[in-house]
Amino acid sequence: MKSYYSSLESIPLSYLGRNHKLSNISLNQSKRIFDTIEKEIFENFINDKSDKTLQERSLPIIKDIIFEFYKVIRSLIEIESCKRNNTKIFFDKINSPIFTTLLNDASPKRVNYQNSYSPSIKKKIKLFLKKIESKINIKKTYDLHNQSLLLNEFIKAKDIKYNYLWPEIFITPFTNNKLITEFSDEKISLILKSFFFKFDISSKYFSRAFFLLSKYISKHFQIVNNLFFSFTNTNFLEVMSEKLIGGTPQILGRVLNSIYISSQKKVLRFAHGGERVFFSDKLWVITELINSTEYFTHGIPEKISVEKKISNLPIKLKKLMPSKITTLGSKKHQIIYENSKGLNTKIKKNIFFFPGCFLGEKLLHNPFFKPSDIFLADYIKAFVNEVSKIGYEVIIKTHPGGIQQDRFFNSLGTMVLKSTFNLRDYNNSILVFDFAGTAFTDSLSSNFPILLLNNGVRPFSNLYLLDLKKRCEILDPYYSNNNVRFKNNDIKLSLKRAIEKSENFESFSSKFFF
């Protein structure tokens, strides 16, 4: 009998890096599933006929709603596929809560919602002291919430005086809103019925799927509703400054954006990382820029890229986007640029590999951005094996985020580093990435050779792809049993090209970071 493993914790590590079929669903199929879910969610939650208040509550969590539906529906499709193909499912009860619930015959217990923003006793004391402090502070023009490096550079350059915003002070005791729950559950049930029909899923799983979605989505709705109530029914509106500044907003930040905008205030948001200019990331514009008046980018190409992404939005969403995109330049990347000139004078057969982080089932991302843990671990092992064959020493630098997977990394037989990212530690080496995040972008502004493994997940934007290809080598994959693989000869050639392309770092940095 064939086997399917739901999590990296449940799979024998000997299965990875070989040619085992690890899933019945290909990456392209996963993307089509996600597209279908995304379209349906928008039609049901963000449409012209929806109640304005309920729309307002939906927007800060629209990404979360889509992700939760995707995780459940994709799991059900995998379960049904395993049944048809006589495949036994192995799942870890702790690390696979979705599979555990869906495959459990017992009726799930009633959901008890709790407030994620409820502060501890220690935090309550700090908040109380902060509240006293805020009363004696001289009123400033800016409120600060959620910092970023680009924002900090802006504050320093402009010598901006700000109030550090502690919105938790104003959050009222959490109470369930019956109308919100009814609205959420009604939508969940309606959408679920549609997906069960479209994907031919057995009705016996309906109640368990509904439980999972209600557990997370209704909770998100209750939290958002509580935040809106807290900020509009306390003295928060009285202490707000004229402008809110912040980095990448999460749910709390998106609610704050909406509150400030509805109060005719300004919301200034700042880019994080800087790599978005090279990718067509789904949902990024909506979650990052929503309800802001001005957005600050690292360089001119990033500004142009953001403007183009906004222009492609429906009119309804376009109205919620910033009317002004401003370029600041990046002092951080300029310093990296200058400091790297004395490094990498002699490239050795050393590779520092920076694989993407593992997220687990609970944090499973969309298939246009990050792969599942097993998909990721499988090609990491295969790639390390191939690189070792051609005589390169591989050192793995693990990502500080996500969930740590010491068991997996220790099985690879390579040195593993957990230190903070610092280019000086990787002198005379080639840097290899499979995810373009902050570390990747920082490296682009240096003179280091860079190889980016294209795992087929994150789609590139054509706008500045040629610029990226001139600065770093991008290695495309082939597929075997739905698994990503990189050919030995292609790796060898790509490493050589990465060294050659590193000579273009000055012109690249000047264009994107100055």
Protein backbone atom coordinates (compact mmCIF):
# COMPACT_ATOMS: atom_id res chain seq x y z
CA MET A 1 0.00 0.00 0.00
CA LYS A 2 1.19 3.52 -0.86
CA SER A 3 1.72 6.10 1.89
CA TYR A 4 0.93 9.80 2.35
CA TYR A 5 2.46 11.86 5.15
CA SER A 6 0.72 15.05 6.27
CA SER A 7 3.67 16.73 8.01
CA LEU A 8 7.45 16.77 8.16
CA GLU A 9 7.21 15.39 11.71
CA SER A 10 5.42 12.25 10.49
CA ILE A 11 7.49 11.37 7.41
CA PRO A 12 10.55 9.07 7.54
CA LEU A 13 13.49 11.29 6.55
CA SER A 14 14.78 8.51 4.26
CA TYR A 15 11.81 9.25 1.97
CA LEU A 16 13.06 12.75 1.25
CA GLY A 17 15.37 13.70 -1.62
CA ARG A 18 14.60 10.53 -3.56
CA ASN A 19 11.86 9.95 -6.12
CA HIS A 20 8.95 9.08 -3.86
CA LYS A 21 5.60 10.60 -4.77
CA LEU A 22 4.91 12.71 -1.70
CA SER A 23 1.54 14.13 -2.76
CA ASN A 24 -1.24 13.34 -5.23
CA ILE A 25 -1.70 17.07 -5.82
CA SER A 26 0.83 18.86 -8.02
CA LEU A 27 1.98 22.42 -7.41
CA ASN A 28 -0.06 23.68 -10.39
CA GLN A 29 -3.16 21.91 -9.07
CA SER A 30 -2.60 23.53 -5.66
CA LYS A 31 -2.43 26.93 -7.35
CA ARG A 32 -5.68 26.30 -9.24
CA ILE A 33 -7.38 25.28 -5.99
CA PHE A 34 -6.15 28.48 -4.34
CA ASP A 35 -7.33 30.63 -7.26
CA THR A 36 -10.82 29.12 -7.05
CA ILE A 37 -10.99 29.71 -3.29
CA GLU A 38 -9.67 33.28 -3.54
CA LYS A 39 -12.28 34.23 -6.16
CA GLU A 40 -15.14 32.74 -4.14
CA ILE A 41 -14.08 34.44 -0.90
CA PHE A 42 -13.87 37.87 -2.54
CA GLU A 43 -17.27 37.43 -4.15
CA ASN A 44 -18.86 36.56 -0.82
CA PHE A 45 -17.10 38.93 1.57
CA ILE A 46 -15.96 41.90 -0.53
CA ASN A 47 -18.68 42.77 -3.02
CA ASP A 48 -20.94 45.71 -3.81
CA LYS A 49 -23.96 44.16 -2.15
CA SER A 50 -22.29 43.38 1.17
CA ASP A 51 -23.15 45.38 4.26
CA LYS A 52 -20.64 48.24 4.64
CA THR A 53 -19.87 47.44 8.29
CA LEU A 54 -19.36 43.75 7.58
CA GLN A 55 -17.13 44.62 4.63
CA GLU A 56 -15.10 46.81 6.94
CA ARG A 57 -14.70 43.88 9.33
CA SER A 58 -13.78 41.51 6.49
CA LEU A 59 -11.01 43.52 4.82
CA PRO A 60 -8.38 43.29 7.63
CA ILE A 61 -8.69 39.49 7.64
CA ILE A 62 -9.52 38.68 4.00
CA LYS A 63 -6.12 37.02 3.51
CA ASP A 64 -6.63 34.93 6.66
CA ILE A 65 -10.09 33.80 5.50
CA ILE A 66 -8.67 32.65 2.15
CA PHE A 67 -5.75 30.84 3.83
CA GLU A 68 -8.00 28.98 6.28
CA PHE A 69 -10.30 27.79 3.50
CA TYR A 70 -7.32 26.75 1.39
CA LYS A 71 -5.77 24.68 4.19
CA VAL A 72 -9.02 22.79 4.86
CA ILE A 73 -10.13 22.29 1.24
CA ARG A 74 -6.68 21.23 0.05
CA SER A 75 -6.46 18.73 2.91
CA LEU A 76 -9.87 17.29 1.99
CA ILE A 77 -8.90 16.96 -1.68
CA GLU A 78 -5.72 15.15 -0.61
CA ILE A 79 -7.75 12.83 1.67
CA GLU A 80 -10.22 12.00 -1.12
CA SER A 81 -7.35 11.41 -3.55
CA CYS A 82 -5.66 9.03 -1.09
CA LYS A 83 -8.89 7.04 -0.76
CA ARG A 84 -9.22 6.69 -4.55
CA ASN A 85 -5.57 5.65 -4.92
CA ASN A 86 -5.58 3.19 -1.98
CA THR A 87 -3.03 5.31 -0.11
CA LYS A 88 -2.63 5.14 3.65
CA ILE A 89 -2.52 8.52 5.42
CA PHE A 90 -0.02 9.06 8.24
CA PHE A 91 -0.54 12.16 10.33
CA ASP A 92 0.87 13.60 13.52
CA LYS A 93 -1.91 14.49 16.00
CA ILE A 94 0.03 17.39 17.49
CA ASN A 95 1.47 18.87 14.29
CA SER A 96 -1.46 18.07 11.98
CA PRO A 97 -4.59 19.45 13.70
CA ILE A 98 -6.47 19.77 10.39
CA PHE A 99 -5.95 16.15 9.34
CA THR A 100 -6.61 15.02 12.91
CA THR A 101 -9.99 16.77 12.98
CA LEU A 102 -11.02 15.79 9.45
CA LEU A 103 -10.16 12.11 9.93
CA ASN A 104 -11.63 11.86 13.43
CA ASP A 105 -15.10 10.31 13.53
CA ALA A 106 -15.97 11.95 16.84
CA SER A 107 -18.02 15.16 16.72
CA PRO A 108 -15.89 18.21 17.41
CA LYS A 109 -16.48 20.17 20.60
CA ARG A 110 -18.04 23.60 20.61
CA VAL A 111 -15.66 26.49 19.87
CA ASN A 112 -14.81 28.89 22.70
CA TYR A 113 -13.44 32.16 21.32
CA GLN A 114 -10.79 34.03 23.24
CA ASN A 115 -9.21 37.41 22.69
CA SER A 116 -5.70 37.11 21.22
CA TYR A 117 -4.91 40.62 22.38
CA SER A 118 -5.70 40.10 26.05
CA PRO A 119 -2.56 41.30 27.88
CA SER A 120 -0.87 39.42 30.75
CA ILE A 121 -0.71 40.91 34.29
CA LYS A 122 2.87 42.05 33.65
CA LYS A 123 1.85 43.69 30.39
CA LYS A 124 -1.16 45.35 32.03
CA ILE A 125 1.19 47.07 34.49
CA LYS A 126 3.38 48.30 31.59
CA LEU A 127 0.31 49.50 29.74
CA PHE A 128 -0.93 51.36 32.81
CA LEU A 129 2.39 53.15 33.16
CA LYS A 130 2.37 53.95 29.46
CA LYS A 131 -1.14 55.40 29.82
CA ILE A 132 0.06 57.74 32.54
CA GLU A 133 3.05 58.70 30.40
CA SER A 134 0.83 59.49 27.42
CA LYS A 135 -1.19 61.95 29.49
CA ILE A 136 1.81 64.07 30.37
CA ASN A 137 3.49 63.91 26.95
CA ILE A 138 3.35 66.90 24.66
CA LYS A 139 1.14 66.13 21.69
CA LYS A 140 3.19 65.15 18.64
CA THR A 141 2.25 64.99 14.94
CA TYR A 142 2.99 61.28 14.49
CA ASP A 143 1.82 58.06 16.14
CA LEU A 144 4.19 55.12 15.63
CA HIS A 145 3.02 51.50 15.41
CA ASN A 146 5.07 48.56 14.12
CA GLN A 147 8.58 49.67 13.19
CA SER A 148 10.71 48.77 10.15
CA LEU A 149 14.25 49.59 9.03
CA LEU A 150 13.12 51.90 6.23
CA LEU A 151 10.76 53.66 8.65
CA ASN A 152 13.56 54.12 11.18
CA GLU A 153 15.76 55.66 8.48
CA PHE A 154 12.93 58.06 7.64
CA ILE A 155 12.46 59.05 11.29
CA LYS A 156 16.18 59.67 11.74
CA ALA A 157 16.59 61.63 8.49
CA LYS A 158 13.57 63.87 9.17
CA ASP A 159 14.21 64.10 12.93
CA ILE A 160 10.59 63.13 13.53
CA LYS A 161 9.13 63.28 17.03
CA TYR A 162 6.46 60.70 17.61
CA ASN A 163 4.21 59.09 20.17
CA TYR A 164 4.80 55.35 20.44
CA LEU A 165 1.30 53.96 20.03
CA TRP A 166 0.12 51.32 22.47
CA PRO A 167 -3.33 50.42 21.13
CA GLU A 168 -3.64 47.55 23.62
CA ILE A 169 -4.34 50.14 26.33
CA PHE A 170 -7.69 50.87 24.74
CA ILE A 171 -8.89 47.34 24.00
CA THR A 172 -12.08 46.60 25.93
CA PRO A 173 -12.97 43.21 27.49
CA PHE A 174 -13.67 40.66 24.79
CA THR A 175 -17.30 39.74 24.11
CA ASN A 176 -18.81 37.66 21.33
CA ASN A 177 -21.03 39.51 18.91
CA LYS A 178 -23.88 37.20 17.92
CA LEU A 179 -24.57 38.99 14.62
CA ILE A 180 -20.91 38.70 13.59
CA THR A 181 -20.89 34.97 14.40
CA GLU A 182 -24.11 34.41 12.47
CA PHE A 183 -22.76 36.34 9.48
CA SER A 184 -19.48 34.43 9.52
CA ASP A 185 -21.02 30.98 9.99
CA GLU A 186 -23.61 31.61 7.28
CA LYS A 187 -20.90 32.58 4.80
CA ILE A 188 -18.70 29.62 5.79
CA SER A 189 -21.56 27.17 5.30
CA LEU A 190 -22.54 28.66 1.93
CA ILE A 191 -18.98 28.68 0.58
CA LEU A 192 -18.22 25.21 1.92
CA LYS A 193 -21.23 23.73 0.10
CA SER A 194 -19.98 25.31 -3.12
CA PHE A 195 -16.46 23.89 -2.67
CA PHE A 196 -17.69 20.42 -1.71
CA PHE A 197 -19.61 20.33 -5.00
CA LYS A 198 -16.80 21.82 -7.15
CA PHE A 199 -14.11 19.50 -5.78
CA ASP A 200 -16.31 16.41 -5.35
CA ILE A 201 -15.74 16.09 -1.59
CA SER A 202 -17.83 13.64 0.45
CA SER A 203 -20.53 15.29 2.58
CA LYS A 204 -19.46 13.23 5.61
CA TYR A 205 -16.59 15.70 6.12
CA PHE A 206 -18.82 18.77 6.07
CA SER A 207 -19.44 19.18 9.82
CA ARG A 208 -15.75 18.71 10.64
CA ALA A 209 -14.67 21.19 7.95
CA PHE A 210 -17.25 23.68 9.18
CA PHE A 211 -15.98 23.31 12.74
CA LEU A 212 -12.38 24.04 11.70
CA LEU A 213 -13.31 27.09 9.65
CA SER A 214 -15.70 28.47 12.23
CA LYS A 215 -13.06 27.98 14.90
CA TYR A 216 -10.55 30.25 13.15
CA ILE A 217 -12.55 32.53 10.84
CA SER A 218 -15.28 33.43 13.32
CA LYS A 219 -12.59 34.05 15.91
CA HIS A 220 -10.82 36.44 13.52
CA PHE A 221 -14.11 38.26 12.93
CA GLN A 222 -14.80 38.58 16.65
CA ILE A 223 -11.31 39.94 17.30
CA VAL A 224 -11.59 42.50 14.48
CA ASN A 225 -15.06 43.55 15.65
CA ASN A 226 -13.77 43.94 19.20
CA LEU A 227 -10.86 46.08 17.97
CA PHE A 228 -13.19 48.39 16.01
CA PHE A 229 -15.52 48.67 18.99
CA SER A 230 -12.61 49.37 21.35
CA PHE A 231 -11.10 52.15 19.26
CA THR A 232 -14.40 53.89 18.50
CA ASN A 233 -16.02 53.61 21.96
CA THR A 234 -13.11 54.68 24.18
CA ASN A 235 -11.05 57.87 24.33
CA PHE A 236 -8.68 56.48 21.66
CA LEU A 237 -10.07 58.88 19.05
CA GLU A 238 -9.21 61.79 21.35
CA VAL A 239 -5.53 60.86 21.75
CA MET A 240 -4.86 60.05 18.08
CA SER A 241 -2.28 62.23 16.34
CA GLU A 242 -2.66 63.55 12.80
CA LYS A 243 -0.51 60.86 11.21
CA LEU A 244 0.04 57.14 11.80
CA ILE A 245 3.40 55.73 10.68
CA GLY A 246 4.33 52.06 10.63
CA GLY A 247 5.85 49.11 8.82
CA THR A 248 4.08 46.04 7.49
CA PRO A 249 0.65 45.91 9.18
CA GLN A 250 -0.84 42.74 10.65
CA ILE A 251 -4.54 42.47 11.63
CA LEU A 252 -4.21 45.06 14.42
CA GLY A 253 -2.32 47.41 12.11
CA ARG A 254 -4.94 47.10 9.35
CA VAL A 255 -7.71 47.95 11.80
CA LEU A 256 -5.72 50.98 12.99
CA ASN A 257 -5.29 52.05 9.34
CA SER A 258 -9.06 51.97 8.89
CA ILE A 259 -9.71 53.91 12.10
CA TYR A 260 -7.26 56.67 11.17
CA ILE A 261 -8.55 56.95 7.60
CA SER A 262 -12.20 57.12 8.71
CA SER A 263 -11.16 59.93 11.09
CA GLN A 264 -9.62 61.89 8.18
CA LYS A 265 -6.08 61.25 9.43
CA LYS A 266 -3.00 60.29 7.39
CA VAL A 267 -1.54 56.77 7.32
CA LEU A 268 2.08 56.38 6.19
CA ARG A 269 3.36 52.85 5.58
CA PHE A 270 6.91 51.73 4.78
CA ALA A 271 8.20 48.84 2.69
CA HIS A 272 9.82 45.84 4.32
CA GLY A 273 12.63 43.81 2.75
CA GLY A 274 12.48 45.27 -0.74
CA GLU A 275 12.16 42.05 -2.77
CA ARG A 276 8.50 42.53 -3.74
CA VAL A 277 9.57 44.54 -6.78
CA PHE A 278 10.63 41.26 -8.46
CA PHE A 279 7.48 39.22 -7.76
CA SER A 280 3.75 39.18 -8.51
CA ASP A 281 2.74 38.23 -4.98
CA LYS A 282 -0.94 37.46 -4.53
CA LEU A 283 -2.85 39.49 -1.94
CA TRP A 284 0.24 41.52 -1.01
CA VAL A 285 -1.09 44.87 -2.22
CA ILE A 286 -4.40 44.37 -0.41
CA THR A 287 -2.92 43.38 2.93
CA GLU A 288 0.09 45.72 2.90
CA LEU A 289 -1.29 48.95 1.43
CA ILE A 290 -4.97 48.89 2.36
CA ASN A 291 -6.28 52.09 3.98
CA SER A 292 -3.03 54.03 3.74
CA THR A 293 -2.47 57.49 2.24
CA GLU A 294 1.24 57.27 1.41
CA TYR A 295 3.63 54.36 0.90
CA PHE A 296 7.43 54.64 1.03
CA THR A 297 9.73 52.40 -1.01
CA HIS A 298 13.47 51.75 -1.15
CA GLY A 299 14.10 52.74 -4.78
CA ILE A 300 12.41 54.08 -7.90
CA PRO A 301 11.83 50.61 -9.46
CA GLU A 302 9.97 49.52 -6.31
CA LYS A 303 7.82 52.67 -6.54
CA ILE A 304 6.98 51.94 -10.20
CA SER A 305 6.21 48.31 -9.34
CA VAL A 306 3.80 49.27 -6.53
CA GLU A 307 2.03 51.81 -8.75
CA LYS A 308 1.56 49.17 -11.44
CA LYS A 309 0.15 46.64 -8.95
CA ILE A 310 -2.32 49.22 -7.65
CA SER A 311 -3.40 50.10 -11.20
CA ASN A 312 -4.38 46.47 -11.82
CA LEU A 313 -6.82 46.37 -8.88
CA PRO A 314 -10.61 46.62 -9.19
CA ILE A 315 -11.91 50.18 -8.70
CA LYS A 316 -13.50 49.24 -5.36
CA LEU A 317 -10.13 48.22 -3.89
CA LYS A 318 -8.14 50.87 -5.73
CA LYS A 319 -9.98 53.54 -3.73
CA LEU A 320 -8.49 52.09 -0.53
CA MET A 321 -4.90 52.31 -1.80
CA PRO A 322 -2.38 55.12 -1.14
CA SER A 323 -2.60 58.03 -3.57
CA LYS A 324 1.11 58.78 -3.19
CA ILE A 325 4.13 56.45 -3.49
CA THR A 326 7.43 57.99 -2.34
CA THR A 327 11.00 56.79 -2.86
CA LEU A 328 13.46 57.19 0.00
CA GLY A 329 16.51 55.21 -1.04
CA SER A 330 17.93 52.71 1.44
CA LYS A 331 20.79 53.70 3.75
CA LYS A 332 20.98 50.11 4.98
CA HIS A 333 21.68 48.73 1.51
CA GLN A 334 24.07 51.55 0.69
CA ILE A 335 26.16 50.63 3.77
CA ILE A 336 26.14 46.94 2.74
CA TYR A 337 27.24 48.02 -0.74
CA GLU A 338 30.22 50.00 0.61
CA ASN A 339 31.26 47.44 3.23
CA SER A 340 31.22 44.50 0.83
CA LYS A 341 33.81 46.00 -1.52
CA GLY A 342 36.64 44.66 0.60
CA LEU A 343 35.16 41.18 0.81
CA ASN A 344 35.00 38.21 -1.55
CA THR A 345 38.41 38.75 -3.15
CA LYS A 346 38.86 35.01 -3.68
CA ILE A 347 35.84 32.76 -4.25
CA LYS A 348 36.30 29.24 -2.88
CA LYS A 349 34.20 26.13 -3.38
CA ASN A 350 32.06 27.12 -0.41
CA ILE A 351 28.29 27.49 -0.50
CA PHE A 352 26.20 29.10 2.17
CA PHE A 353 22.65 27.86 1.64
CA PHE A 354 19.77 29.90 3.11
CA PRO A 355 16.64 27.73 2.76
CA GLY A 356 13.18 29.13 3.46
CA CYS A 357 11.59 28.52 6.84
CA PHE A 358 9.25 25.69 7.78
CA LEU A 359 5.76 26.82 8.73
CA GLY A 360 3.92 23.69 9.87
CA GLU A 361 0.29 22.93 9.06
CA LYS A 362 -1.12 25.77 11.17
CA LEU A 363 0.89 28.43 9.30
CA LEU A 364 0.72 26.82 5.84
CA HIS A 365 1.02 29.62 3.31
CA ASN A 366 -0.52 30.00 -0.11
CA PRO A 367 1.08 27.97 -2.96
CA PHE A 368 2.08 31.16 -4.80
CA PHE A 369 4.42 32.22 -2.00
CA LYS A 370 5.84 29.40 0.11
CA PRO A 371 5.81 25.63 -0.37
CA SER A 372 4.62 23.06 2.13
CA ASP A 373 7.22 21.75 4.59
CA ILE A 374 7.60 18.33 2.96
CA PHE A 375 7.89 19.86 -0.53
CA LEU A 376 10.57 22.22 0.80
CA ALA A 377 12.54 19.60 2.76
CA ASP A 378 12.47 17.19 -0.17
CA TYR A 379 14.21 19.46 -2.66
CA ILE A 380 16.59 20.88 -0.01
CA LYS A 381 17.92 17.37 0.60
CA ALA A 382 18.11 16.61 -3.13
CA PHE A 383 19.93 19.89 -3.84
CA VAL A 384 22.47 19.41 -1.01
CA ASN A 385 23.21 15.90 -2.31
CA GLU A 386 23.81 17.16 -5.87
CA VAL A 387 26.06 20.05 -4.76
CA SER A 388 28.14 17.71 -2.62
CA LYS A 389 28.70 15.47 -5.68
CA ILE A 390 30.39 18.31 -7.60
CA GLY A 391 32.86 19.03 -4.82
CA TYR A 392 31.35 22.02 -2.99
CA GLU A 393 31.22 22.33 0.77
CA VAL A 394 27.69 23.24 1.86
CA ILE A 395 26.96 25.17 5.05
CA ILE A 396 23.31 25.73 5.88
CA LYS A 397 22.15 28.94 7.55
CA THR A 398 18.67 28.32 8.94
CA HIS A 399 15.91 30.92 8.91
CA PRO A 400 15.18 32.43 12.35
CA GLY A 401 11.41 32.39 11.75
CA GLY A 402 8.83 29.64 11.40
CA ILE A 403 9.21 26.37 13.29
CA GLN A 404 12.67 24.92 13.80
CA GLN A 405 13.45 21.53 12.28
CA ASP A 406 16.69 20.39 13.90
CA ARG A 407 15.84 16.75 13.21
CA PHE A 408 15.73 17.36 9.48
CA PHE A 409 18.76 19.68 9.16
CA ASN A 410 20.94 17.44 11.32
CA SER A 411 20.14 14.53 8.98
CA LEU A 412 21.73 16.29 6.00
CA GLY A 413 25.30 15.76 7.20
CA THR A 414 26.32 19.40 6.69
CA MET A 415 27.32 22.20 9.04
CA VAL A 416 24.26 24.13 10.26
CA LEU A 417 24.43 27.74 11.48
CA LYS A 418 21.78 29.53 13.51
CA SER A 419 23.61 32.83 13.94
CA THR A 420 22.32 36.24 12.84
CA PHE A 421 22.70 36.99 9.13
CA ASN A 422 26.05 38.75 8.58
CA LEU A 423 27.76 38.86 5.18
CA ARG A 424 31.24 39.01 6.77
CA ASP A 425 30.69 35.46 8.03
CA TYR A 426 30.27 34.20 4.46
CA ASN A 427 33.41 35.74 2.93
CA ASN A 428 34.79 34.15 -0.28
CA SER A 429 31.67 32.04 -0.70
CA ILE A 430 28.67 31.70 -3.02
CA LEU A 431 25.29 32.43 -1.46
CA VAL A 432 22.34 30.23 -2.40
CA PHE A 433 18.70 31.07 -1.64
CA ASP A 434 15.41 29.33 -2.38
CA PHE A 435 13.31 32.19 -1.02
CA ALA A 436 13.81 35.86 -1.80
CA GLY A 437 13.36 37.56 1.55
CA THR A 438 15.26 40.21 3.50
CA ALA A 439 18.56 38.29 3.55
CA PHE A 440 18.39 37.78 -0.21
CA THR A 441 17.72 41.48 -0.86
CA ASP A 442 20.53 42.52 1.48
CA SER A 443 22.89 40.23 -0.44
CA LEU A 444 21.90 41.76 -3.78
CA SER A 445 23.39 45.08 -2.68
CA SER A 446 26.75 43.37 -1.96
CA ASN A 447 29.40 41.98 -4.32
CA PHE A 448 28.66 38.37 -3.31
CA PRO A 449 27.82 35.76 -5.98
CA ILE A 450 24.16 34.77 -5.60
CA LEU A 451 22.21 31.76 -6.85
CA LEU A 452 18.42 31.78 -6.48
CA LEU A 453 16.72 28.38 -6.72
CA ASN A 454 13.42 28.82 -8.51
CA ASN A 455 11.21 26.22 -6.80
CA GLY A 456 8.28 27.09 -9.06
CA VAL A 457 6.21 28.51 -6.23
CA ARG A 458 6.53 32.29 -6.31
CA PRO A 459 5.80 33.87 -9.73
CA PHE A 460 8.20 36.53 -10.95
CA SER A 461 7.10 39.93 -12.18
CA ASN A 462 8.40 40.67 -15.68
CA LEU A 463 8.85 44.34 -14.85
CA TYR A 464 12.41 44.03 -13.48
CA LEU A 465 13.17 40.35 -14.00
CA LEU A 466 15.94 41.07 -16.52
CA ASP A 467 17.66 43.33 -13.96
CA LEU A 468 17.49 40.55 -11.39
CA LYS A 469 18.88 38.00 -13.87
CA LYS A 470 21.84 40.28 -14.60
CA ARG A 471 22.71 40.51 -10.89
CA CYS A 472 22.12 36.93 -9.75
CA GLU A 473 21.77 33.53 -11.35
CA ILE A 474 18.29 31.98 -11.27
CA LEU A 475 18.21 28.19 -11.54
CA ASP A 476 14.99 26.74 -12.93
CA PRO A 477 13.81 23.28 -11.84
CA TYR A 478 12.45 20.18 -13.48
CA TYR A 479 9.75 17.99 -11.92
CA SER A 480 9.79 14.32 -11.01
CA ASN A 481 6.72 12.78 -9.37
CA ASN A 482 5.51 16.31 -8.59
CA ASN A 483 8.80 16.98 -6.77
CA VAL A 484 11.21 19.82 -7.58
CA ARG A 485 14.66 18.79 -8.77
CA PHE A 486 17.77 20.58 -10.07
CA LYS A 487 20.11 18.89 -12.56
CA ASN A 488 23.74 18.36 -11.57
CA ASN A 489 25.19 19.99 -14.69
CA ASP A 490 22.77 22.94 -14.40
CA ILE A 491 23.89 23.52 -10.80
CA LYS A 492 27.56 23.44 -11.80
CA LEU A 493 26.99 25.95 -14.63
CA SER A 494 24.76 28.20 -12.49
CA LEU A 495 27.37 28.48 -9.74
CA LYS A 496 29.92 29.61 -12.33
CA ARG A 497 27.48 32.19 -13.74
CA ALA A 498 26.65 33.47 -10.25
CA ILE A 499 30.32 34.43 -9.80
CA GLU A 500 30.38 36.22 -13.16
CA LYS A 501 27.16 38.14 -12.47
CA SER A 502 28.37 39.39 -9.09
CA GLU A 503 30.42 41.96 -11.02
CA ASN A 504 27.15 43.78 -11.82
CA PHE A 505 26.42 44.61 -8.18
CA GLU A 506 27.34 48.30 -8.45
CA SER A 507 24.93 49.16 -11.27
CA PHE A 508 22.21 47.02 -9.68
CA SER A 509 22.56 48.66 -6.26
CA SER A 510 22.60 52.13 -7.79
CA LYS A 511 19.32 51.45 -9.59
CA PHE A 512 17.38 49.75 -6.78
CA PHE A 513 18.72 51.20 -3.52
CA PHE A 514 20.08 54.69 -4.19
